[in-house]
Protein backbone atom coordinates (compact mmCIF):
# COMPACT_ATOMS: atom_id res chain seq x y z
CA MET A 1 71.07 59.02 106.86
CA LEU A 2 70.41 61.23 103.87
CA ASP A 3 73.31 61.31 101.45
CA VAL A 4 73.97 62.37 97.88
CA SER A 5 75.29 59.07 96.58
CA HIS A 6 72.12 58.47 94.61
CA ILE A 7 72.47 61.66 92.55
CA ARG A 8 73.54 60.70 89.07
CA VAL A 9 74.90 62.48 86.02
CA GLY A 10 71.99 63.26 83.73
CA GLU A 11 69.46 63.45 86.57
CA VAL A 12 67.20 66.52 86.59
CA ILE A 13 66.83 68.19 90.00
CA ALA A 14 63.58 70.04 90.76
CA GLY A 15 62.65 69.85 87.10
CA LYS A 16 65.18 72.58 86.36
CA TYR A 17 68.79 71.51 86.83
CA ARG A 18 70.36 68.66 84.85
CA VAL A 19 73.41 67.24 86.62
CA GLU A 20 76.43 67.24 84.29
CA ARG A 21 79.41 66.16 86.39
CA PRO A 22 80.78 66.32 89.95
CA LEU A 23 83.09 69.25 90.69
CA GLY A 24 84.20 68.46 94.21
CA ALA A 25 83.21 67.14 97.61
CA GLY A 26 83.75 68.07 101.22
CA GLY A 27 82.45 67.24 104.65
CA MET A 28 79.35 69.37 104.16
CA GLY A 29 78.31 68.37 100.67
CA VAL A 30 79.01 67.68 97.04
CA VAL A 31 79.15 70.26 94.26
CA PHE A 32 78.02 69.40 90.75
CA ALA A 33 78.15 71.26 87.47
CA ALA A 34 74.57 71.43 86.24
CA THR A 35 72.65 73.02 83.40
CA HIS A 36 69.72 75.30 84.10
CA LEU A 37 67.44 73.87 81.44
CA ALA A 38 65.19 76.89 80.92
CA LEU A 39 68.12 79.28 80.54
CA ASP A 40 70.63 76.84 78.99
CA GLN A 41 73.11 78.14 81.56
CA LEU A 42 75.83 76.26 83.43
CA VAL A 43 75.54 76.57 87.21
CA ALA A 44 77.12 75.03 90.30
CA LEU A 45 74.72 72.95 92.38
CA LYS A 46 75.77 72.22 95.96
CA VAL A 47 73.84 69.47 97.74
CA LEU A 48 74.33 69.35 101.49
CA ARG A 49 74.91 66.05 103.27
CA ILE A 50 73.03 65.68 106.53
CA GLU A 51 72.06 62.91 108.91
CA ASP A 52 68.55 61.67 109.60
CA ALA A 53 65.33 63.51 108.83
CA VAL A 54 65.51 67.29 108.78
CA PRO A 55 63.04 69.14 111.05
CA PRO A 56 61.07 71.86 109.21
CA SER A 57 62.50 74.53 111.54
CA ILE A 58 66.05 73.70 110.41
CA LEU A 59 65.13 73.86 106.75
CA GLU A 60 63.41 77.19 107.31
CA ARG A 61 66.53 78.53 108.99
CA PHE A 62 68.67 77.20 106.12
CA VAL A 63 66.51 79.06 103.60
CA ARG A 64 66.65 82.29 105.63
CA GLU A 65 70.44 82.17 105.82
CA ALA A 66 70.78 81.47 102.09
CA ARG A 67 68.51 84.42 101.40
CA ALA A 68 70.81 86.56 103.54
CA ALA A 69 73.69 85.57 101.26
CA VAL A 70 71.70 86.76 98.25
CA ARG A 71 71.74 90.25 99.78
CA LEU A 72 75.50 90.47 99.17
CA ARG A 73 76.11 92.48 96.01
CA SER A 74 79.90 92.57 95.84
CA GLU A 75 81.49 91.29 92.65
CA HIS A 76 83.71 89.25 94.97
CA VAL A 77 80.89 87.02 96.24
CA ALA A 78 79.87 83.87 94.39
CA ARG A 79 76.25 84.65 93.62
CA VAL A 80 73.54 82.41 95.07
CA LEU A 81 70.88 81.86 92.41
CA ASP A 82 68.47 79.46 94.09
CA VAL A 83 67.93 77.47 97.28
CA ALA A 84 65.47 74.64 97.86
CA VAL A 85 65.12 70.98 98.82
CA THR A 86 65.25 67.99 96.47
CA GLU A 87 62.39 65.52 96.21
CA GLY A 88 64.45 63.25 98.47
CA GLY A 89 64.73 65.88 101.20
CA LEU A 90 68.26 67.16 100.55
CA PRO A 91 68.79 70.93 100.84
CA TYR A 92 70.69 72.41 97.92
CA ILE A 93 72.11 75.75 96.82
CA VAL A 94 72.55 76.84 93.22
CA MET A 95 75.44 79.23 92.59
CA GLU A 96 77.08 80.86 89.63
CA TYR A 97 79.49 78.57 87.81
CA LEU A 98 83.10 79.71 88.04
CA GLU A 99 86.14 78.81 85.94
CA GLY A 100 89.58 78.98 87.50
CA GLU A 101 90.97 77.53 90.74
CA ASP A 102 90.78 78.20 94.44
CA LEU A 103 93.77 79.39 96.40
CA SER A 104 94.31 76.00 98.04
CA ALA A 105 94.91 74.58 94.56
CA SER A 106 97.26 77.47 93.80
CA LEU A 107 99.24 76.76 96.95
CA ARG A 108 99.59 73.10 96.03
CA ARG A 109 100.65 74.00 92.51
CA ILE A 110 103.11 76.85 93.06
CA GLY A 111 103.63 77.23 96.81
CA ALA A 112 103.89 80.59 98.55
CA LEU A 113 102.82 83.63 96.56
CA ASP A 114 104.63 86.87 95.90
CA PRO A 115 103.70 89.26 98.74
CA GLY A 116 102.20 91.85 96.41
CA GLN A 117 100.05 89.25 94.70
CA ALA A 118 98.91 87.70 97.99
CA VAL A 119 97.89 91.08 99.39
CA ASP A 120 96.02 92.06 96.22
CA LEU A 121 94.03 88.83 96.27
CA VAL A 122 93.15 89.14 99.95
CA LEU A 123 92.11 92.79 99.50
CA GLN A 124 89.56 91.60 96.97
CA ALA A 125 88.22 89.06 99.46
CA LEU A 126 88.03 91.77 102.11
CA GLU A 127 85.53 93.69 99.98
CA ALA A 128 83.12 90.77 100.17
CA VAL A 129 83.76 90.14 103.87
CA ALA A 130 83.27 93.83 104.71
CA GLU A 131 79.86 93.86 103.06
CA ALA A 132 78.88 90.65 104.84
CA HIS A 133 79.92 92.01 108.23
CA ALA A 134 77.95 95.20 107.61
CA LEU A 135 74.87 92.99 107.15
CA GLY A 136 75.58 91.00 110.29
CA ILE A 137 76.85 87.92 108.44
CA VAL A 138 79.97 86.22 109.81
CA HIS A 139 81.47 83.77 107.33
CA ARG A 140 83.15 81.48 109.91
CA ASP A 141 84.91 79.33 107.32
CA LEU A 142 87.31 81.58 105.44
CA LYS A 143 90.17 79.52 104.02
CA PRO A 144 92.09 79.24 100.71
CA ALA A 145 89.62 76.63 99.43
CA ASN A 146 86.82 79.20 99.79
CA LEU A 147 88.70 81.93 97.90
CA PHE A 148 88.26 81.17 94.22
CA VAL A 149 90.31 83.00 91.60
CA THR A 150 88.63 83.43 88.24
CA THR A 151 89.15 86.00 85.48
CA GLY A 152 87.48 89.40 85.53
CA PRO A 153 86.11 91.35 82.55
CA ASP A 154 89.47 93.10 82.18
CA ALA A 155 91.31 89.72 82.15
CA SER A 156 92.79 90.35 85.61
CA PRO A 157 92.48 87.87 88.51
CA LEU A 158 89.10 88.17 90.24
CA VAL A 159 88.56 86.65 93.69
CA LYS A 160 85.18 85.20 94.60
CA VAL A 161 84.44 84.28 98.22
CA LEU A 162 82.53 81.01 98.38
CA ASP A 163 80.08 79.48 100.84
CA PHE A 164 78.43 82.56 102.27
CA GLY A 165 75.22 80.58 101.82
CA ILE A 166 76.17 78.28 104.71
CA SER A 167 77.91 80.90 106.84
CA LYS A 168 75.42 80.97 109.74
CA MET A 169 73.67 77.66 109.65
CA GLN A 170 73.91 76.95 113.37
CA VAL A 171 70.33 76.68 114.58
CA GLU A 172 68.49 76.97 117.84
CA GLY A 173 68.68 74.00 120.17
CA GLY A 174 72.25 73.10 119.22
CA HIS A 175 71.40 71.57 115.84
CA ASP A 176 73.21 72.41 112.67
CA LEU A 177 73.34 71.22 109.09
CA THR A 178 76.74 69.59 109.29
CA ARG A 179 77.27 65.99 110.24
CA SER A 180 76.71 65.46 113.92
CA HIS A 181 80.35 64.58 114.59
CA GLN A 182 81.66 67.67 112.83
CA ILE A 183 82.09 71.27 113.88
CA LEU A 184 81.10 74.31 111.89
CA GLY A 185 84.22 75.48 110.08
CA SER A 186 87.65 74.16 109.14
CA PRO A 187 89.75 73.54 112.28
CA ASP A 188 93.05 74.74 110.78
CA TYR A 189 91.54 78.18 110.18
CA MET A 190 89.29 78.51 113.22
CA SER A 191 89.86 81.11 115.91
CA PRO A 192 90.38 80.18 119.57
CA GLU A 193 86.89 81.44 120.44
CA GLN A 194 85.31 79.24 117.76
CA LEU A 195 86.86 76.23 119.47
CA THR A 196 85.97 77.22 123.02
CA SER A 197 82.67 79.13 122.82
CA ALA A 198 81.13 79.07 119.35
CA LYS A 199 78.00 80.95 120.45
CA ASP A 200 80.13 84.00 121.25
CA VAL A 201 81.78 84.20 117.82
CA ASP A 202 81.61 87.55 116.06
CA ALA A 203 83.20 89.17 113.01
CA ARG A 204 86.64 89.13 114.62
CA ALA A 205 86.74 85.36 114.12
CA ASP A 206 86.88 86.06 110.39
CA LEU A 207 89.89 88.32 111.04
CA TRP A 208 91.70 85.37 112.62
CA SER A 209 90.89 83.17 109.63
CA LEU A 210 92.11 85.85 107.23
CA GLY A 211 95.33 86.03 109.22
CA VAL A 212 95.82 82.28 108.79
CA VAL A 213 95.08 82.62 105.06
CA LEU A 214 97.61 85.43 104.66
CA TYR A 215 100.19 83.51 106.70
CA GLU A 216 99.77 80.49 104.44
CA LEU A 217 99.78 82.45 101.17
CA LEU A 218 102.96 84.27 102.22
CA SER A 219 104.90 81.37 103.78
CA GLY A 220 103.47 78.26 102.11
CA THR A 221 102.56 76.74 105.46
CA ARG A 222 99.88 77.26 108.10
CA PRO A 223 100.83 78.73 111.48
CA PHE A 224 99.56 75.69 113.39
CA VAL A 225 100.31 72.17 112.19
CA ALA A 226 99.33 69.06 114.13
CA GLU A 227 98.81 65.34 113.64
CA SER A 228 95.40 65.18 115.32
CA LEU A 229 92.41 67.43 115.96
CA PRO A 230 92.92 67.54 119.75
CA GLU A 231 96.54 68.58 119.22
CA MET A 232 95.45 71.21 116.70
CA PHE A 233 92.82 72.60 119.08
CA ALA A 234 95.34 72.77 121.92
CA LYS A 235 97.86 74.65 119.78
CA ILE A 236 95.33 77.19 118.55
CA VAL A 237 93.87 77.84 121.98
CA TYR A 238 96.94 77.68 124.20
CA GLU A 239 100.19 78.03 122.26
CA PRO A 240 101.56 81.43 121.20
CA SER A 241 100.91 82.20 117.56
CA PRO A 242 104.15 81.84 115.58
CA ALA A 243 105.53 84.99 114.00
CA LEU A 244 105.22 85.19 110.22
CA ALA A 245 108.73 86.67 109.97
CA ASP A 246 110.15 83.41 111.32
CA ALA A 247 108.32 81.36 108.68
CA ARG A 248 109.42 83.54 105.75
CA PRO A 249 112.29 85.90 106.52
CA GLY A 250 112.61 88.99 104.38
CA LEU A 251 108.94 90.00 104.27
CA PRO A 252 108.14 93.67 105.02
CA PRO A 253 107.94 94.12 108.80
CA GLY A 254 104.66 96.03 108.52
CA LEU A 255 103.04 93.18 106.62
CA CYS A 256 104.26 90.63 109.16
CA ALA A 257 102.94 92.80 112.00
CA ALA A 258 99.50 92.95 110.38
CA VAL A 259 99.30 89.17 110.01
CA ASP A 260 100.57 88.63 113.55
CA ARG A 261 97.89 90.98 114.88
CA CYS A 262 95.17 88.97 113.13
CA LEU A 263 96.45 85.94 115.03
CA ALA A 264 96.12 87.51 118.48
CA LYS A 265 94.55 84.98 120.84
CA ARG A 266 92.12 87.51 122.29
CA ALA A 267 89.65 88.88 119.76
CA SER A 268 89.96 92.33 121.32
CA ASP A 269 93.67 92.43 120.42
CA ARG A 270 93.02 91.95 116.70
CA PHE A 271 92.08 94.63 114.21
CA ARG A 272 88.80 96.36 114.96
CA ASP A 273 87.34 95.31 111.61
CA VAL A 274 88.35 94.25 108.11
CA ALA A 275 88.60 97.87 107.00
CA GLU A 276 91.39 98.44 109.51
CA LEU A 277 93.11 95.28 108.29
CA ALA A 278 92.79 96.45 104.69
CA VAL A 279 94.40 99.80 105.46
CA ALA A 280 97.28 97.99 107.22
CA ILE A 281 98.12 95.62 104.37
CA ALA A 282 97.28 97.78 101.33
CA PRO A 283 100.73 99.45 101.17
CA PHE A 284 102.26 96.02 100.50
CA GLY A 285 100.05 95.11 97.56
CA ALA A 286 101.26 95.14 93.99
CA GLY A 287 98.57 97.71 93.17
CA LEU A 288 97.71 96.08 89.86
CA SER A 289 95.93 98.50 87.51
CA GLY A 290 95.92 101.11 90.25
CA THR A 291 92.95 99.42 91.92
CA THR A 292 94.18 99.39 95.52
CA PRO A 293 92.82 102.86 96.45
CA ARG A 294 89.45 101.93 94.92
CA ARG A 295 89.36 98.70 96.89
CA ILE A 296 90.11 100.49 100.15
CA ARG A 297 87.30 102.96 99.46
CA GLY A 298 84.95 100.07 98.75
CA ILE A 299 85.88 98.28 101.97
CA LEU A 300 85.55 101.42 104.06
CA THR A 301 82.17 102.18 102.53
CA ALA A 302 80.88 98.65 103.14
CA GLU A 303 81.96 98.68 106.79
CA ARG A 304 79.99 101.84 107.59
């Protein structure tokens, strides 16, 4: 098994990146703060954890998918700067270094958000997702932990969508770059079709995930809670999706209806695309700095 336990602070990766400190870890890999030595620039270096030797075809697919992420130009995408393999055979991605916190940390710190704030943040994420969908890229793992809030040039909150570089890593022959006992995505945010027929997943799976994110940001809890993965899967696939209005009474009915539609069991019953979702929720945003109309135009343009 290839792991990242041997990577040490001070080590230089690929002769370019000096590891400074760990930033976080998950099932798919570990993220380090690193310094690009030639540029004297701080970057985020994500090293993927995988089992056994990696066939060349899988690494080639990994590189192609990371290159697809580089095509995304939205200011709301965490930029991918480099992708390669360490001397020890571990694939890694180098991304821009961000200061701030992701929305999962915000939820733990302050709980449910003000509706206007939640909508404004999600509208920013929708700009990135719209561009990705227009390029045929389905994220498949949208969740609060992958929505990072930093500060924009005008000192306002700026959302960056993370992990587009691993959005479509499923490879031919049933292999993928996750651990063999894991599934691609985060179960709490996965659509019914991701759990039952992953090969048939399309952009509407991201709409489901965005519905779960909105539900959680607005109510402080996820729509489906379970004590085990089998129970979670059964709830998502078979149980009716709970109404947002029941979880947080007093929210605007139109906003609740939009979230509930995202959580339709059948993909065909959800919004047609993220642009339609954006139009539905935009009236409930706080409209900070008058940016909502501009965001809607950006999302509509990206979807075409």
